[in-house]
């Protein structure tokens, strides 16, 4: 189960809406071994695409070095889908390389860049297998 604060959910959804019609992407880091998302880190979609996201390799390397220095790990890896449901695509599954991370998808297909309904779902992806998990949103 993903336990995440309302503040982090709002930040993630705001990022997805701001980048619409392109997919947004980023990481929420937390203390190593804690499974607790704490630090919101929006990244630039290097692909600048409405159907695909890609982390810039230099940004990702710098982020992993910074997380190592802070004794953090990627607890949540997120991106948005702009025209489809919040479910991992074949490409998303193929690129999932953090078996302990929560893969969060937000769909902005109904709200676009404005207010309105959105989908927010979390998955575990390991060895090509996708399992949806419950999300508990904590106040704060």
Foldseek 3Di string as FASTA:
>chain_A
DQEEAPVLVVVVVLQQLVLPLAKWWFFFKDAPPPLYGDRTGTADQPVSHSADGDGDPVVVVVVVVVCVVVNIDGQEIEMEHEADAFDDDQVNLVPDDDQNHKYWYKYCPPPRNHDDDIDIWTWGHDPSDIDTDDYHYHYD
